[in-house]
Amino acid sequence: MPGSRKAKAAETEAALKAAATRVFERVGYLNTKITDITAEADRAAGSFYNHFRGKEELLESLLADMLAAGDQAVEADPAHETDLGGRGAIRWHVEQYWRFFRDHRVVMIALHQASLVDQRFADRLSALLEPDLRHLADHLRGTAQRPEATALALSSLWHQFAYAVLVERSPLADGLTDEEAIDLLTDLTNRGLNGK
């Protein structure tokens, strides 16, 4: 019996996360109410609080799931190079980031919206993303004098460009394909790091 309760709880948590993503896509994170999520998941309103203290905690959980899946994919890919001294290694990293952002666009928008209106959430988000930035900084040790600051600058460039193209759909990037966007960011990054 305890195993089936655990399975049921996991099923409910997954249903709430999937429902939240659908509702975020329809009405935006800021306009989403917890009752919208539970109704979308076809669950009782109170069931939400058995899994999350609030919308912010659910969003953190979605991010944690995304980062864990991303880490698994990176670790399993034999093409992952840790030295960003060459264009090929840079392009691989840019492509991973671009595809991660594109595939999780709805949650990336929600994270952005939540951090704009809640400084505590923005601080928490920074803390959650810091290990990934430090991982990128480790890849920059041979090419950058200040690897942590360089990792932050590169991440900011990649993120803001992805947001402008994939979310805001800036007319300045009209018709830009994923491959062209990845190559553009790769070339900017390669020139900045390696002067090539």
Protein backbone atom coordinates (compact mmCIF):
# COMPACT_ATOMS: atom_id res chain seq x y z
CA MET A 1 0.00 0.00 0.00
CA PRO A 2 2.71 2.59 0.82
CA GLY A 3 4.28 2.02 -2.60
CA SER A 4 1.01 2.76 -4.37
CA ARG A 5 0.56 5.97 -2.34
CA LYS A 6 4.05 7.02 -3.32
CA ALA A 7 3.34 6.25 -6.98
CA LYS A 8 0.05 8.17 -6.79
CA ALA A 9 1.83 11.15 -5.22
CA ALA A 10 4.49 11.10 -7.95
CA GLU A 11 1.76 10.90 -10.59
CA THR A 12 -0.05 13.88 -9.07
CA GLU A 13 3.15 15.92 -8.87
CA ALA A 14 3.95 15.18 -12.52
CA ALA A 15 0.38 16.07 -13.54
CA LEU A 16 0.60 19.39 -11.68
CA LYS A 17 3.91 20.26 -13.35
CA ALA A 18 2.62 19.39 -16.82
CA ALA A 19 -0.58 21.34 -16.19
CA ALA A 20 1.36 24.35 -14.91
CA THR A 21 3.45 24.43 -18.08
CA ARG A 22 0.31 24.37 -20.25
CA VAL A 23 -1.34 27.13 -18.23
CA PHE A 24 1.84 29.24 -18.22
CA GLU A 25 1.91 28.97 -22.00
CA ARG A 26 -1.72 30.06 -22.33
CA VAL A 27 -1.93 32.92 -19.83
CA GLY A 28 1.62 33.57 -18.60
CA TYR A 29 3.17 32.80 -15.25
CA LEU A 30 2.04 36.02 -13.58
CA ASN A 31 -1.62 35.51 -14.54
CA THR A 32 -1.69 31.85 -13.49
CA LYS A 33 -3.49 30.97 -10.27
CA ILE A 34 -2.93 27.75 -8.37
CA THR A 35 -6.59 26.85 -8.97
CA ASP A 36 -5.92 27.18 -12.73
CA ILE A 37 -3.15 24.60 -12.40
CA THR A 38 -5.18 22.15 -10.34
CA ALA A 39 -8.19 22.48 -12.65
CA GLU A 40 -5.96 21.86 -15.69
CA ALA A 41 -4.48 18.80 -13.94
CA ASP A 42 -7.96 17.62 -12.93
CA ARG A 43 -6.89 17.50 -9.28
CA ALA A 44 -8.42 18.88 -6.10
CA ALA A 45 -7.25 22.41 -5.31
CA GLY A 46 -5.79 21.32 -1.97
CA SER A 47 -3.66 18.62 -3.58
CA PHE A 48 -1.27 21.30 -4.87
CA TYR A 49 -0.09 22.06 -1.34
CA ASN A 50 0.80 18.43 -0.69
CA HIS A 51 3.61 18.93 -3.23
CA PHE A 52 4.48 22.65 -3.38
CA ARG A 53 4.26 25.59 -0.99
CA GLY A 54 3.39 27.90 -3.85
CA LYS A 55 3.78 28.69 -7.52
CA GLU A 56 7.43 29.71 -7.03
CA GLU A 57 8.35 26.34 -5.55
CA LEU A 58 6.64 24.56 -8.45
CA LEU A 59 8.64 26.73 -10.88
CA GLU A 60 11.87 25.90 -9.03
CA SER A 61 10.99 22.22 -9.28
CA LEU A 62 10.41 22.54 -13.04
CA LEU A 63 13.81 24.21 -13.39
CA ALA A 64 15.50 21.52 -11.30
CA ASP A 65 13.96 18.83 -13.51
CA MET A 66 15.12 20.63 -16.66
CA LEU A 67 18.67 21.12 -15.35
CA ALA A 68 18.94 17.48 -14.24
CA ALA A 69 17.77 16.23 -17.65
CA GLY A 70 20.16 18.65 -19.36
CA ASP A 71 23.08 17.47 -17.22
CA GLN A 72 22.30 13.83 -18.05
CA ALA A 73 22.23 14.60 -21.77
CA VAL A 74 25.53 16.49 -21.61
CA GLU A 75 27.26 13.74 -19.64
CA ALA A 76 26.06 11.12 -22.11
CA ASP A 77 27.29 13.03 -25.18
CA PRO A 78 30.82 12.02 -26.22
CA ALA A 79 31.13 15.24 -28.26
CA HIS A 80 31.25 17.32 -25.06
CA GLU A 81 34.65 19.04 -24.94
CA THR A 82 35.77 20.92 -21.86
CA ASP A 83 38.28 23.26 -23.56
CA LEU A 84 36.62 26.21 -25.29
CA GLY A 85 39.80 27.07 -27.20
CA GLY A 86 38.29 25.88 -30.49
CA ARG A 87 35.21 26.85 -32.49
CA GLY A 88 33.81 23.29 -32.52
CA ALA A 89 33.69 23.06 -28.72
CA ILE A 90 32.15 26.52 -28.49
CA ARG A 91 29.51 25.67 -31.07
CA TRP A 92 28.59 22.48 -29.20
CA HIS A 93 28.00 24.47 -25.99
CA VAL A 94 26.06 27.22 -27.76
CA GLU A 95 23.89 24.63 -29.49
CA GLN A 96 23.16 22.86 -26.20
CA TYR A 97 22.10 26.15 -24.63
CA TRP A 98 19.99 27.22 -27.63
CA ARG A 99 18.15 23.92 -27.83
CA PHE A 100 17.64 23.86 -24.04
CA PHE A 101 16.11 27.34 -24.17
CA ARG A 102 13.96 26.54 -27.20
CA ASP A 103 12.73 23.24 -25.78
CA HIS A 104 11.87 24.83 -22.42
CA ARG A 105 10.79 28.23 -23.70
CA VAL A 106 7.58 28.33 -21.63
CA VAL A 107 9.41 27.70 -18.36
CA MET A 108 12.21 30.11 -19.33
CA ILE A 109 9.59 32.84 -19.82
CA ALA A 110 7.99 31.96 -16.48
CA LEU A 111 11.37 32.15 -14.73
CA HIS A 112 11.97 35.56 -16.29
CA GLN A 113 8.54 36.84 -15.26
CA ALA A 114 8.86 35.53 -11.71
CA SER A 115 12.30 37.07 -11.23
CA LEU A 116 11.09 40.48 -12.46
CA VAL A 117 8.44 40.80 -9.76
CA ASP A 118 10.07 39.00 -6.83
CA GLN A 119 13.64 39.81 -5.81
CA ARG A 120 13.78 36.81 -3.46
CA PHE A 121 12.90 34.55 -6.36
CA ALA A 122 15.49 36.31 -8.56
CA ASP A 123 18.13 35.66 -5.89
CA ARG A 124 17.03 32.02 -5.59
CA LEU A 125 17.16 31.62 -9.37
CA SER A 126 20.72 32.99 -9.43
CA ALA A 127 21.70 30.48 -6.76
CA LEU A 128 20.11 27.60 -8.68
CA LEU A 129 21.93 28.56 -11.90
CA GLU A 130 25.31 29.22 -10.27
CA PRO A 131 26.58 25.62 -10.55
CA ASP A 132 26.02 25.69 -14.32
CA LEU A 133 27.87 29.01 -14.57
CA ARG A 134 30.76 27.59 -12.55
CA HIS A 135 30.79 24.57 -14.87
CA LEU A 136 31.09 26.90 -17.87
CA ALA A 137 33.80 28.86 -16.02
CA ASP A 138 35.77 25.63 -15.59
CA HIS A 139 35.72 25.26 -19.38
CA LEU A 140 37.13 28.79 -19.70
CA ARG A 141 40.12 28.39 -17.38
CA GLY A 142 42.55 28.04 -20.30
CA THR A 143 41.10 30.87 -22.40
CA ALA A 144 39.88 33.61 -20.03
CA GLN A 145 41.70 35.55 -17.33
CA ARG A 146 38.51 35.92 -15.28
CA PRO A 147 36.62 32.70 -16.07
CA GLU A 148 33.69 33.27 -13.69
CA ALA A 149 32.99 36.78 -14.99
CA THR A 150 33.49 35.59 -18.57
CA ALA A 151 31.05 32.71 -18.01
CA LEU A 152 28.49 35.19 -16.68
CA ALA A 153 28.99 37.48 -19.69
CA LEU A 154 28.68 34.63 -22.19
CA SER A 155 25.64 33.18 -20.47
CA SER A 156 23.99 36.61 -20.45
CA LEU A 157 24.71 37.09 -24.16
CA TRP A 158 23.36 33.66 -25.10
CA HIS A 159 20.30 34.03 -22.88
CA GLN A 160 19.35 37.52 -24.01
CA PHE A 161 19.77 36.65 -27.69
CA ALA A 162 17.69 33.47 -27.28
CA TYR A 163 15.02 35.48 -25.46
CA ALA A 164 14.94 38.14 -28.19
CA VAL A 165 14.71 35.58 -31.00
CA LEU A 166 12.63 32.77 -29.48
CA VAL A 167 10.34 34.73 -27.16
CA GLU A 168 10.11 38.34 -28.33
CA ARG A 169 10.49 37.28 -31.97
CA SER A 170 12.40 40.45 -32.76
CA PRO A 171 11.92 41.59 -36.37
CA LEU A 172 15.68 42.20 -36.45
CA ALA A 173 16.12 38.42 -36.50
CA ASP A 174 13.22 37.72 -38.86
CA GLY A 175 13.82 34.50 -40.79
CA LEU A 176 16.86 33.53 -38.71
CA THR A 177 17.00 29.74 -38.42
CA ASP A 178 18.19 27.90 -35.33
CA GLU A 179 21.39 26.92 -37.13
CA GLU A 180 22.08 30.51 -38.17
CA ALA A 181 21.44 31.76 -34.64
CA ILE A 182 23.75 29.11 -33.19
CA ASP A 183 26.48 29.97 -35.71
CA LEU A 184 26.12 33.70 -35.02
CA LEU A 185 26.51 33.20 -31.26
CA THR A 186 29.34 30.74 -31.85
CA ASP A 187 31.26 33.23 -34.00
CA LEU A 188 30.76 36.09 -31.52
CA THR A 189 31.87 33.87 -28.65
CA ASN A 190 34.87 32.48 -30.56
CA ARG A 191 36.05 35.96 -31.54
CA GLY A 192 35.66 37.19 -27.98
CA LEU A 193 37.47 34.25 -26.42
CA ASN A 194 39.99 33.25 -29.05
CA GLY A 195 40.23 36.26 -31.36
CA LYS A 196 39.19 34.11 -34.34
